[in-house]
């Protein structure tokens, strides 16, 4: 609590690892593929959804770190959240959102993000690949594609599974130090689901 207050007034900076994890999430979430090929809406909300999706996957991986490092895990997850919403605050202000309107934007965005963290983690915890894909597609249809007519969430669901595997392949030390790089998406081949 004290650390969060000190960060808010600028006396303590967020953890460097959290900033590195968030930077990796932004790079992945802003790939043109998300908007051009997978039809994520190229809007303020769509960009938020895309970044939130990747941060949710990183949060899931943080939760898989050895529980003996519980305090470090909690601190990193909180720092990642703080870094993300500090960035959202700056970006909304650059778009001209006033101080008064800001409190009506950030709080719902934070609640939406936390809901997505749970929905995506629950989907990835399903018993087999078919159920995971089905659960991810349903979660993406509700969240990312909520305003898209005839959404096709399968390609993004498959990318999420790929990102989750990439994160699972990272060592705990790499996650806790913020050392992650996502591989480029592989193009779908003839006969792949699309």
N, C-alpha and C. Protein backbone atom coordinates (compact mmCIF):
# COMPACT_ATOMS: atom_id res chain seq x y z
N UNK A 1 0.83 -1.19 0.00
CA UNK A 1 0.00 0.00 0.00
C UNK A 1 0.87 1.26 0.00
N UNK A 2 1.89 1.28 0.90
CA UNK A 2 2.77 2.44 0.96
C UNK A 2 3.56 2.59 -0.33
N UNK A 3 4.04 1.45 -0.87
CA UNK A 3 4.79 1.50 -2.13
C UNK A 3 3.93 2.08 -3.25
N UNK A 4 2.65 1.66 -3.32
CA UNK A 4 1.74 2.18 -4.36
C UNK A 4 1.56 3.69 -4.21
N UNK A 5 1.41 4.15 -2.98
CA UNK A 5 1.25 5.58 -2.74
C UNK A 5 2.52 6.34 -3.12
N UNK A 6 3.67 5.82 -2.74
CA UNK A 6 4.93 6.46 -3.09
C UNK A 6 5.15 6.49 -4.60
N UNK A 7 4.73 5.43 -5.29
CA UNK A 7 4.83 5.42 -6.75
C UNK A 7 3.92 6.47 -7.36
N UNK A 8 2.72 6.60 -6.81
CA UNK A 8 1.74 7.53 -7.35
C UNK A 8 2.26 8.98 -7.27
N UNK A 9 2.95 9.30 -6.20
CA UNK A 9 3.47 10.68 -6.07
C UNK A 9 4.88 10.83 -6.64
N UNK A 10 5.39 9.75 -7.24
CA UNK A 10 6.65 9.84 -7.97
C UNK A 10 7.91 9.63 -7.17
N UNK A 11 7.79 9.14 -5.94
CA UNK A 11 8.97 8.92 -5.12
C UNK A 11 9.60 7.55 -5.33
N UNK A 12 8.83 6.62 -5.88
CA UNK A 12 9.34 5.28 -6.18
C UNK A 12 8.92 4.94 -7.59
N UNK A 13 9.84 4.43 -8.38
CA UNK A 13 9.51 4.03 -9.76
C UNK A 13 9.11 2.57 -9.78
N UNK A 14 8.27 2.24 -10.76
CA UNK A 14 7.88 0.84 -10.93
C UNK A 14 9.10 0.01 -11.29
N UNK A 15 9.02 -1.22 -10.96
CA UNK A 15 10.10 -2.16 -11.19
C UNK A 15 10.50 -2.19 -12.67
N UNK A 16 11.80 -2.23 -12.93
CA UNK A 16 12.31 -2.28 -14.30
C UNK A 16 11.79 -3.51 -15.04
N UNK A 17 11.65 -4.64 -14.33
CA UNK A 17 11.14 -5.86 -14.97
C UNK A 17 9.71 -5.64 -15.45
N UNK A 18 8.89 -4.96 -14.64
CA UNK A 18 7.51 -4.70 -15.04
C UNK A 18 7.48 -3.80 -16.27
N UNK A 19 8.35 -2.81 -16.32
CA UNK A 19 8.39 -1.94 -17.49
C UNK A 19 8.81 -2.72 -18.73
N UNK A 20 9.76 -3.64 -18.57
CA UNK A 20 10.21 -4.46 -19.71
C UNK A 20 9.10 -5.40 -20.17
N UNK A 21 8.39 -6.01 -19.24
CA UNK A 21 7.27 -6.90 -19.60
C UNK A 21 6.18 -6.12 -20.31
N UNK A 22 5.89 -4.92 -19.82
CA UNK A 22 4.84 -4.12 -20.46
C UNK A 22 5.28 -3.70 -21.86
N UNK A 23 6.54 -3.34 -22.02
CA UNK A 23 7.05 -2.95 -23.35
C UNK A 23 6.90 -4.12 -24.33
N UNK A 24 7.18 -5.33 -23.87
CA UNK A 24 7.02 -6.51 -24.73
C UNK A 24 5.54 -6.71 -25.08
N UNK A 25 4.66 -6.49 -24.11
CA UNK A 25 3.22 -6.63 -24.35
C UNK A 25 2.74 -5.60 -25.38
N UNK A 26 3.24 -4.38 -25.28
CA UNK A 26 2.84 -3.32 -26.22
C UNK A 26 3.34 -3.66 -27.62
N UNK A 27 4.59 -4.12 -27.73
CA UNK A 27 5.11 -4.50 -29.06
C UNK A 27 4.24 -5.58 -29.69
N UNK A 28 3.89 -6.58 -28.91
CA UNK A 28 3.05 -7.67 -29.44
C UNK A 28 1.64 -7.17 -29.72
N UNK A 29 1.07 -6.43 -28.80
CA UNK A 29 -0.31 -5.98 -28.93
C UNK A 29 -0.53 -4.99 -30.06
N UNK A 30 0.53 -4.33 -30.49
CA UNK A 30 0.40 -3.36 -31.57
C UNK A 30 0.84 -3.90 -32.93
N UNK A 31 1.11 -5.18 -33.00
CA UNK A 31 1.47 -5.77 -34.31
C UNK A 31 0.34 -5.50 -35.29
N UNK A 32 0.70 -5.16 -36.50
CA UNK A 32 -0.31 -4.89 -37.53
C UNK A 32 -1.18 -6.11 -37.78
N UNK A 33 -0.64 -7.29 -37.57
CA UNK A 33 -1.39 -8.53 -37.78
C UNK A 33 -2.68 -8.54 -36.96
N UNK A 34 -2.62 -8.01 -35.75
CA UNK A 34 -3.82 -7.99 -34.90
C UNK A 34 -4.96 -7.25 -35.59
N UNK A 35 -4.62 -6.15 -36.24
CA UNK A 35 -5.65 -5.27 -36.81
C UNK A 35 -5.94 -5.60 -38.28
N UNK A 36 -4.91 -5.96 -39.02
CA UNK A 36 -5.08 -6.23 -40.45
C UNK A 36 -5.61 -7.64 -40.72
N UNK A 37 -5.00 -8.64 -40.09
CA UNK A 37 -5.35 -10.03 -40.39
C UNK A 37 -6.41 -10.60 -39.44
N UNK A 38 -6.35 -10.22 -38.17
CA UNK A 38 -7.23 -10.83 -37.18
C UNK A 38 -8.42 -9.94 -36.83
N UNK A 39 -8.54 -8.81 -37.50
CA UNK A 39 -9.70 -7.92 -37.42
C UNK A 39 -10.00 -7.38 -36.03
N UNK A 40 -8.95 -7.22 -35.20
CA UNK A 40 -9.15 -6.49 -33.95
C UNK A 40 -9.46 -5.05 -34.37
N UNK A 41 -10.51 -4.43 -33.82
CA UNK A 41 -10.83 -3.06 -34.23
C UNK A 41 -9.65 -2.11 -33.98
N UNK A 42 -9.29 -1.35 -35.00
CA UNK A 42 -8.18 -0.39 -34.87
C UNK A 42 -8.72 0.92 -34.31
N UNK A 43 -9.10 0.84 -33.03
CA UNK A 43 -9.68 1.96 -32.30
C UNK A 43 -8.94 2.06 -30.96
N UNK A 44 -9.25 3.08 -30.19
CA UNK A 44 -8.66 3.19 -28.85
C UNK A 44 -9.01 1.95 -28.03
N UNK A 45 -10.29 1.55 -28.07
CA UNK A 45 -10.70 0.36 -27.32
C UNK A 45 -10.05 -0.90 -27.86
N UNK A 46 -9.97 -1.03 -29.18
CA UNK A 46 -9.36 -2.21 -29.77
C UNK A 46 -7.89 -2.33 -29.43
N UNK A 47 -7.18 -1.22 -29.42
CA UNK A 47 -5.76 -1.25 -29.05
C UNK A 47 -5.59 -1.59 -27.58
N UNK A 48 -6.47 -1.04 -26.74
CA UNK A 48 -6.45 -1.41 -25.32
C UNK A 48 -6.70 -2.91 -25.18
N UNK A 49 -7.72 -3.43 -25.87
CA UNK A 49 -8.04 -4.86 -25.79
C UNK A 49 -6.86 -5.72 -26.20
N UNK A 50 -6.17 -5.30 -27.24
CA UNK A 50 -5.05 -6.08 -27.77
C UNK A 50 -3.89 -6.11 -26.78
N UNK A 51 -3.59 -4.96 -26.19
CA UNK A 51 -2.50 -4.91 -25.19
C UNK A 51 -2.93 -5.63 -23.92
N UNK A 52 -4.16 -5.43 -23.51
CA UNK A 52 -4.68 -6.09 -22.30
C UNK A 52 -4.58 -7.61 -22.43
N UNK A 53 -4.87 -8.12 -23.61
CA UNK A 53 -4.79 -9.56 -23.88
C UNK A 53 -3.38 -10.08 -23.60
N UNK A 54 -2.37 -9.38 -24.10
CA UNK A 54 -0.99 -9.84 -23.91
C UNK A 54 -0.57 -9.69 -22.45
N UNK A 55 -0.95 -8.59 -21.82
CA UNK A 55 -0.63 -8.41 -20.40
C UNK A 55 -1.30 -9.51 -19.58
N UNK A 56 -2.52 -9.88 -19.93
CA UNK A 56 -3.21 -10.96 -19.22
C UNK A 56 -2.42 -12.27 -19.32
N UNK A 57 -1.87 -12.55 -20.48
CA UNK A 57 -1.07 -13.76 -20.65
C UNK A 57 0.22 -13.69 -19.83
N UNK A 58 0.81 -12.51 -19.76
CA UNK A 58 2.02 -12.34 -18.93
C UNK A 58 1.66 -12.52 -17.46
N UNK A 59 0.52 -11.95 -17.04
CA UNK A 59 0.08 -12.13 -15.65
C UNK A 59 -0.12 -13.60 -15.32
N UNK A 60 -0.70 -14.32 -16.27
CA UNK A 60 -0.89 -15.76 -16.07
C UNK A 60 0.45 -16.44 -15.85
N UNK A 61 1.44 -16.08 -16.66
CA UNK A 61 2.77 -16.69 -16.52
C UNK A 61 3.43 -16.30 -15.20
N UNK A 62 3.25 -15.07 -14.77
CA UNK A 62 3.78 -14.66 -13.47
C UNK A 62 3.21 -15.57 -12.38
N UNK A 63 1.95 -15.90 -12.51
CA UNK A 63 1.31 -16.78 -11.53
C UNK A 63 1.83 -18.20 -11.53
N UNK A 64 2.55 -18.59 -12.58
CA UNK A 64 3.11 -19.94 -12.66
C UNK A 64 4.53 -20.03 -12.08
N UNK A 65 5.07 -18.88 -11.66
CA UNK A 65 6.41 -18.87 -11.07
C UNK A 65 6.35 -19.60 -9.73
N UNK A 66 7.48 -20.19 -9.34
CA UNK A 66 7.59 -20.92 -8.08
C UNK A 66 6.95 -20.13 -6.94
N UNK A 67 5.97 -20.73 -6.23
CA UNK A 67 5.26 -20.00 -5.16
C UNK A 67 6.17 -19.57 -4.01
N UNK A 68 7.37 -20.13 -3.92
CA UNK A 68 8.31 -19.70 -2.89
C UNK A 68 8.74 -18.24 -3.08
N UNK A 69 8.44 -17.68 -4.23
CA UNK A 69 8.80 -16.28 -4.51
C UNK A 69 7.53 -15.41 -4.49
N UNK A 70 6.59 -15.76 -3.63
CA UNK A 70 5.26 -15.14 -3.60
C UNK A 70 5.30 -13.61 -3.54
N UNK A 71 6.11 -13.04 -2.63
CA UNK A 71 6.12 -11.58 -2.51
C UNK A 71 6.66 -10.93 -3.77
N UNK A 72 7.69 -11.52 -4.35
CA UNK A 72 8.25 -11.01 -5.60
C UNK A 72 7.20 -11.08 -6.72
N UNK A 73 6.42 -12.17 -6.74
CA UNK A 73 5.37 -12.33 -7.74
C UNK A 73 4.29 -11.26 -7.57
N UNK A 74 3.84 -11.07 -6.34
CA UNK A 74 2.80 -10.07 -6.08
C UNK A 74 3.28 -8.67 -6.46
N UNK A 75 4.52 -8.37 -6.11
CA UNK A 75 5.07 -7.05 -6.44
C UNK A 75 5.16 -6.86 -7.95
N UNK A 76 5.62 -7.89 -8.67
CA UNK A 76 5.76 -7.78 -10.12
C UNK A 76 4.39 -7.63 -10.79
N UNK A 77 3.42 -8.41 -10.36
CA UNK A 77 2.07 -8.31 -10.93
C UNK A 77 1.48 -6.92 -10.68
N UNK A 78 1.66 -6.40 -9.47
CA UNK A 78 1.14 -5.06 -9.16
C UNK A 78 1.88 -3.99 -9.96
N UNK A 79 3.20 -4.13 -10.06
CA UNK A 79 3.98 -3.16 -10.83
C UNK A 79 3.58 -3.18 -12.30
N UNK A 80 3.34 -4.37 -12.86
CA UNK A 80 2.91 -4.47 -14.25
C UNK A 80 1.57 -3.77 -14.45
N UNK A 81 0.65 -3.97 -13.55
CA UNK A 81 -0.65 -3.29 -13.59
C UNK A 81 -0.45 -1.77 -13.52
N UNK A 82 0.39 -1.33 -12.59
CA UNK A 82 0.63 0.11 -12.42
C UNK A 82 1.25 0.74 -13.67
N UNK A 83 2.22 0.05 -14.26
CA UNK A 83 2.87 0.55 -15.47
C UNK A 83 1.86 0.64 -16.61
N UNK A 84 1.04 -0.39 -16.76
CA UNK A 84 0.05 -0.41 -17.83
C UNK A 84 -0.92 0.76 -17.70
N UNK A 85 -1.44 0.98 -16.51
CA UNK A 85 -2.46 2.02 -16.36
C UNK A 85 -1.87 3.42 -16.28
N UNK A 86 -0.62 3.53 -15.92
CA UNK A 86 0.05 4.83 -16.05
C UNK A 86 0.17 5.19 -17.52
N UNK A 87 0.51 4.19 -18.35
CA UNK A 87 0.60 4.40 -19.79
C UNK A 87 -0.76 4.72 -20.39
N UNK A 88 -1.80 4.02 -19.96
CA UNK A 88 -3.16 4.30 -20.45
C UNK A 88 -3.56 5.73 -20.09
N UNK A 89 -3.23 6.15 -18.89
CA UNK A 89 -3.54 7.51 -18.43
C UNK A 89 -2.88 8.53 -19.35
N UNK A 90 -1.59 8.34 -19.62
CA UNK A 90 -0.85 9.27 -20.49
C UNK A 90 -1.47 9.30 -21.88
N UNK A 91 -1.75 8.13 -22.44
CA UNK A 91 -2.30 8.07 -23.79
C UNK A 91 -3.68 8.70 -23.89
N UNK A 92 -4.53 8.48 -22.89
CA UNK A 92 -5.85 9.10 -22.91
C UNK A 92 -5.74 10.63 -22.81
N UNK A 93 -4.81 11.09 -21.99
CA UNK A 93 -4.61 12.55 -21.88
C UNK A 93 -4.12 13.13 -23.21
N UNK A 94 -3.26 12.38 -23.90
CA UNK A 94 -2.79 12.84 -25.21
C UNK A 94 -3.94 12.92 -26.22
N UNK A 95 -4.96 12.09 -26.01
CA UNK A 95 -6.13 12.12 -26.87
C UNK A 95 -7.13 13.20 -26.44
N UNK A 96 -6.79 13.92 -25.38
CA UNK A 96 -7.63 15.04 -24.96
C UNK A 96 -8.64 14.72 -23.89
N UNK A 97 -8.52 13.57 -23.23
CA UNK A 97 -9.45 13.25 -22.15
C UNK A 97 -9.12 14.13 -20.95
N UNK A 98 -10.12 14.81 -20.41
CA UNK A 98 -9.92 15.74 -19.29
C UNK A 98 -9.73 14.99 -17.98
N UNK A 99 -9.26 15.71 -16.97
CA UNK A 99 -9.10 15.12 -15.64
C UNK A 99 -10.43 14.57 -15.14
N UNK A 100 -11.49 15.32 -15.31
CA UNK A 100 -12.82 14.89 -14.85
C UNK A 100 -13.26 13.61 -15.57
N UNK A 101 -13.07 13.57 -16.87
CA UNK A 101 -13.48 12.39 -17.65
C UNK A 101 -12.55 11.20 -17.40
N UNK A 102 -11.31 11.49 -17.01
CA UNK A 102 -10.32 10.42 -16.81
C UNK A 102 -10.79 9.40 -15.77
N UNK A 103 -11.35 9.89 -14.66
CA UNK A 103 -11.75 8.94 -13.62
C UNK A 103 -12.89 8.04 -14.09
N UNK A 104 -13.64 8.50 -15.08
CA UNK A 104 -14.73 7.67 -15.62
C UNK A 104 -14.23 6.73 -16.71
N UNK A 105 -13.00 6.90 -17.15
CA UNK A 105 -12.43 6.01 -18.18
C UNK A 105 -11.51 4.96 -17.57
N UNK A 106 -10.59 5.39 -16.70
CA UNK A 106 -9.56 4.49 -16.18
C UNK A 106 -10.16 3.39 -15.31
N UNK A 107 -11.07 3.74 -14.41
CA UNK A 107 -11.63 2.73 -13.50
C UNK A 107 -12.34 1.61 -14.27
N UNK A 108 -13.21 1.91 -15.26
CA UNK A 108 -13.81 0.83 -16.03
C UNK A 108 -12.79 0.03 -16.84
N UNK A 109 -11.74 0.71 -17.34
CA UNK A 109 -10.71 -0.01 -18.09
C UNK A 109 -9.98 -0.99 -17.17
N UNK A 110 -9.69 -0.56 -15.96
CA UNK A 110 -9.00 -1.45 -15.00
C UNK A 110 -9.88 -2.65 -14.66
N UNK A 111 -11.17 -2.41 -14.44
CA UNK A 111 -12.08 -3.51 -14.13
C UNK A 111 -12.19 -4.46 -15.32
N UNK A 112 -12.27 -3.91 -16.53
CA UNK A 112 -12.34 -4.74 -17.73
C UNK A 112 -11.07 -5.59 -17.87
N UNK A 113 -9.93 -4.97 -17.62
CA UNK A 113 -8.67 -5.70 -17.73
C UNK A 113 -8.63 -6.86 -16.74
N UNK A 114 -9.02 -6.61 -15.50
CA UNK A 114 -8.98 -7.67 -14.49
C UNK A 114 -9.94 -8.81 -14.86
N UNK A 115 -11.08 -8.47 -15.43
CA UNK A 115 -12.00 -9.51 -15.89
C UNK A 115 -11.40 -10.34 -17.00
N UNK A 116 -10.67 -9.69 -17.89
CA UNK A 116 -10.04 -10.41 -19.00
C UNK A 116 -8.91 -11.30 -18.50
N UNK A 117 -8.14 -10.81 -17.53
CA UNK A 117 -7.07 -11.64 -16.96
C UNK A 117 -7.67 -12.97 -16.49
N UNK A 118 -8.78 -12.90 -15.76
CA UNK A 118 -9.42 -14.11 -15.26
C UNK A 118 -10.01 -14.95 -16.39
N UNK A 119 -10.71 -14.32 -17.32
CA UNK A 119 -11.36 -15.07 -18.41
C UNK A 119 -10.33 -15.82 -19.25
N UNK A 120 -9.22 -15.16 -19.60
CA UNK A 120 -8.21 -15.80 -20.44
C UNK A 120 -7.47 -16.90 -19.67
N UNK A 121 -7.18 -16.65 -18.39
CA UNK A 121 -6.51 -17.68 -17.58
C UNK A 121 -7.43 -18.90 -17.42
N UNK A 122 -8.72 -18.66 -17.17
CA UNK A 122 -9.67 -19.77 -17.05
C UNK A 122 -9.75 -20.56 -18.36
N UNK A 123 -9.77 -19.85 -19.48
CA UNK A 123 -9.84 -20.53 -20.77
C UNK A 123 -8.62 -21.41 -21.00
N UNK A 124 -7.45 -20.89 -20.66
CA UNK A 124 -6.21 -21.64 -20.87
C UNK A 124 -6.06 -22.80 -19.89
N UNK A 125 -6.88 -22.81 -18.85
CA UNK A 125 -6.83 -23.90 -17.86
C UNK A 125 -7.78 -25.04 -18.23
N UNK A 126 -8.48 -24.92 -19.35
CA UNK A 126 -9.40 -25.99 -19.77
C UNK A 126 -8.63 -27.30 -19.98
N UNK A 127 -9.38 -28.40 -20.05
CA UNK A 127 -8.78 -29.73 -20.00
C UNK A 127 -8.04 -30.17 -21.26
N UNK A 128 -8.46 -29.70 -22.41
CA UNK A 128 -7.77 -30.13 -23.64
C UNK A 128 -7.79 -28.99 -24.65
N UNK A 129 -7.03 -29.17 -25.72
CA UNK A 129 -6.85 -28.09 -26.69
C UNK A 129 -8.16 -27.63 -27.31
N UNK A 130 -9.05 -28.55 -27.63
CA UNK A 130 -10.33 -28.17 -28.24
C UNK A 130 -11.15 -27.28 -27.30
N UNK A 131 -11.17 -27.64 -26.01
CA UNK A 131 -11.90 -26.83 -25.03
C UNK A 131 -11.22 -25.48 -24.81
N UNK A 132 -9.89 -25.47 -24.83
CA UNK A 132 -9.16 -24.21 -24.69
C UNK A 132 -9.53 -23.28 -25.84
N UNK A 133 -9.47 -23.79 -27.06
CA UNK A 133 -9.80 -22.97 -28.23
C UNK A 133 -11.23 -22.45 -28.14
N UNK A 134 -12.15 -23.32 -27.78
CA UNK A 134 -13.55 -22.92 -27.67
C UNK A 134 -13.72 -21.82 -26.61
N UNK A 135 -13.09 -22.00 -25.45
CA UNK A 135 -13.21 -21.02 -24.37
C UNK A 135 -12.55 -19.69 -24.74
N UNK A 136 -11.39 -19.76 -25.39
CA UNK A 136 -10.71 -18.53 -25.82
C UNK A 136 -11.56 -17.79 -26.86
N UNK A 137 -12.10 -18.53 -27.82
CA UNK A 137 -12.94 -17.88 -28.85
C UNK A 137 -14.14 -17.20 -28.21
N UNK A 138 -14.75 -17.84 -27.24
CA UNK A 138 -15.91 -17.23 -26.56
C UNK A 138 -15.48 -15.97 -25.81
N UNK A 139 -14.35 -16.04 -25.10
CA UNK A 139 -13.86 -14.87 -24.35
C UNK A 139 -13.49 -13.73 -25.30
N UNK A 140 -12.85 -14.06 -26.41
CA UNK A 140 -12.48 -13.03 -27.38
C UNK A 140 -13.71 -12.40 -28.02
N UNK A 141 -14.72 -13.21 -28.32
CA UNK A 141 -15.96 -12.67 -28.90
C UNK A 141 -16.62 -11.68 -27.95
N UNK A 142 -16.59 -11.97 -26.64
CA UNK A 142 -17.18 -11.08 -25.64
C UNK A 142 -16.37 -9.81 -25.43
N UNK A 143 -15.06 -9.92 -25.55
CA UNK A 143 -14.20 -8.81 -25.16
C UNK A 143 -13.63 -8.05 -26.36
N UNK A 144 -12.77 -8.68 -27.10
CA UNK A 144 -12.08 -8.01 -28.21
C UNK A 144 -13.04 -7.71 -29.36
N UNK A 145 -13.91 -8.66 -29.67
CA UNK A 145 -14.77 -8.54 -30.85
C UNK A 145 -16.21 -8.15 -30.51
N UNK A 146 -16.44 -7.57 -29.35
CA UNK A 146 -17.80 -7.29 -28.88
C UNK A 146 -18.59 -6.40 -29.82
N UNK A 147 -17.93 -5.57 -30.61
CA UNK A 147 -18.64 -4.68 -31.53
C UNK A 147 -18.38 -5.02 -33.00
N UNK A 148 -17.82 -6.20 -33.25
CA UNK A 148 -17.51 -6.62 -34.61
C UNK A 148 -18.62 -7.55 -35.10
N UNK A 149 -19.14 -7.23 -36.27
CA UNK A 149 -20.16 -8.09 -36.86
C UNK A 149 -19.49 -9.33 -37.45
N UNK A 150 -20.03 -10.48 -37.19
CA UNK A 150 -19.48 -11.76 -37.66
C UNK A 150 -18.00 -11.91 -37.31
N UNK A 151 -17.67 -11.87 -36.01
CA UNK A 151 -16.26 -11.99 -35.64
C UNK A 151 -15.70 -13.37 -35.96
N UNK A 152 -14.41 -13.41 -36.20
CA UNK A 152 -13.69 -14.66 -36.44
C UNK A 152 -12.53 -14.73 -35.45
N UNK A 153 -12.80 -15.12 -34.20
CA UNK A 153 -11.77 -15.07 -33.17
C UNK A 153 -10.74 -16.19 -33.21
N UNK A 154 -10.95 -17.21 -34.04
CA UNK A 154 -10.05 -18.37 -34.02
C UNK A 154 -8.58 -18.01 -34.26
N UNK A 155 -8.23 -17.23 -35.29
CA UNK A 155 -6.79 -16.93 -35.48
C UNK A 155 -6.16 -16.26 -34.26
N UNK A 156 -6.88 -15.34 -33.63
CA UNK A 156 -6.33 -14.67 -32.44
C UNK A 156 -6.26 -15.66 -31.27
N UNK A 157 -7.23 -16.55 -31.15
CA UNK A 157 -7.19 -17.57 -30.10
C UNK A 157 -5.96 -18.47 -30.27
N UNK A 158 -5.67 -18.85 -31.52
CA UNK A 158 -4.49 -19.67 -31.78
C UNK A 158 -3.20 -18.92 -31.45
N UNK A 159 -3.17 -17.61 -31.75
CA UNK A 159 -2.01 -16.81 -31.39
C UNK A 159 -1.86 -16.72 -29.87
N UNK A 160 -2.98 -16.59 -29.17
CA UNK A 160 -2.91 -16.56 -27.71
C UNK A 160 -2.31 -17.85 -27.16
N UNK A 161 -2.72 -18.97 -27.72
CA UNK A 161 -2.15 -20.25 -27.28
C UNK A 161 -0.65 -20.30 -27.55
N UNK A 162 -0.25 -19.79 -28.71
CA UNK A 162 1.17 -19.74 -29.06
C UNK A 162 1.93 -18.83 -28.08
N UNK A 163 1.38 -17.67 -27.78
CA UNK A 163 2.03 -16.75 -26.83
C UNK A 163 2.13 -17.38 -25.44
N UNK A 164 1.06 -18.06 -25.02
CA UNK A 164 1.08 -18.72 -23.71
C UNK A 164 2.19 -19.77 -23.67
N UNK A 165 2.35 -20.54 -24.76
CA UNK A 165 3.43 -21.54 -24.82
C UNK A 165 4.80 -20.87 -24.78
N UNK A 166 4.94 -19.76 -25.51
CA UNK A 166 6.22 -19.06 -25.48
C UNK A 166 6.55 -18.57 -24.07
N UNK A 167 5.55 -18.04 -23.38
CA UNK A 167 5.77 -17.57 -22.01
C UNK A 167 6.08 -18.73 -21.07
N UNK A 168 5.41 -19.86 -21.25
CA UNK A 168 5.67 -21.03 -20.41
C UNK A 168 7.08 -21.56 -20.62
N UNK A 169 7.63 -21.36 -21.82
CA UNK A 169 8.99 -21.82 -22.11
C UNK A 169 10.06 -20.92 -21.48
N UNK A 170 9.68 -19.74 -21.05
CA UNK A 170 10.63 -18.83 -20.39
C UNK A 170 10.91 -19.33 -18.98
N UNK A 171 12.13 -19.13 -18.53
CA UNK A 171 12.46 -19.51 -17.15
C UNK A 171 11.81 -18.53 -16.18
N UNK A 172 11.64 -18.98 -14.94
CA UNK A 172 11.12 -18.08 -13.90
C UNK A 172 12.02 -16.85 -13.77
N UNK A 173 13.33 -17.05 -13.83
CA UNK A 173 14.26 -15.93 -13.69
C UNK A 173 14.07 -14.92 -14.82
N UNK A 174 13.85 -15.41 -16.04
CA UNK A 174 13.62 -14.49 -17.17
C UNK A 174 12.33 -13.70 -16.98
N UNK A 175 11.27 -14.37 -16.52
CA UNK A 175 10.01 -13.67 -16.28
C UNK A 175 10.19 -12.61 -15.20
N UNK A 176 10.81 -12.98 -14.09
CA UNK A 176 10.97 -12.04 -12.98
C UNK A 176 11.92 -10.89 -13.31
N UNK A 177 12.78 -11.09 -14.32
CA UNK A 177 13.67 -10.01 -14.76
C UNK A 177 13.10 -9.25 -15.95
N UNK A 178 11.95 -9.70 -16.47
CA UNK A 178 11.34 -9.02 -17.61
C UNK A 178 12.00 -9.31 -18.93
N UNK A 179 12.68 -10.44 -19.04
CA UNK A 179 13.38 -10.79 -20.27
C UNK A 179 12.52 -11.71 -21.13
N UNK A 180 11.62 -11.11 -21.92
CA UNK A 180 10.82 -11.90 -22.84
C UNK A 180 10.80 -11.21 -24.20
N UNK A 181 10.77 -12.02 -25.22
CA UNK A 181 10.60 -11.55 -26.59
C UNK A 181 9.68 -12.53 -27.28
N UNK A 182 8.64 -12.01 -27.91
CA UNK A 182 7.69 -12.89 -28.60
C UNK A 182 8.13 -13.10 -30.04
N UNK A 183 8.08 -14.36 -30.47
CA UNK A 183 8.37 -14.69 -31.87
C UNK A 183 7.25 -14.17 -32.76
N UNK A 184 7.60 -13.90 -34.01
CA UNK A 184 6.59 -13.45 -34.98
C UNK A 184 5.53 -14.52 -35.17
N UNK A 185 4.29 -14.10 -35.44
CA UNK A 185 3.26 -15.10 -35.73
C UNK A 185 3.60 -15.86 -37.01
N UNK A 186 3.27 -17.13 -37.02
CA UNK A 186 3.49 -17.95 -38.21
C UNK A 186 2.26 -17.82 -39.11
N UNK A 187 2.47 -17.63 -40.40
CA UNK A 187 1.30 -17.57 -41.29
C UNK A 187 0.56 -18.90 -41.32
N UNK A 188 -0.75 -18.82 -41.45
CA UNK A 188 -1.54 -20.05 -41.55
C UNK A 188 -1.20 -20.76 -42.84
N UNK A 189 -1.11 -22.09 -42.77
CA UNK A 189 -0.81 -22.90 -43.96
C UNK A 189 -2.11 -23.50 -44.48
N UNK A 190 -2.05 -23.97 -45.69
CA UNK A 190 -3.19 -24.65 -46.32
C UNK A 190 -3.67 -25.78 -45.39
N UNK A 191 -4.96 -25.78 -45.08
CA UNK A 191 -5.53 -26.80 -44.22
C UNK A 191 -5.57 -26.43 -42.76
N UNK A 192 -4.85 -25.36 -42.33
CA UNK A 192 -4.92 -24.89 -40.95
C UNK A 192 -6.29 -24.28 -40.71
N UNK A 193 -6.77 -24.31 -39.45
CA UNK A 193 -8.03 -23.64 -39.17
C UNK A 193 -7.88 -22.15 -39.38
N UNK A 194 -8.90 -21.51 -39.90
CA UNK A 194 -8.84 -20.06 -40.07
C UNK A 194 -10.15 -19.42 -39.70
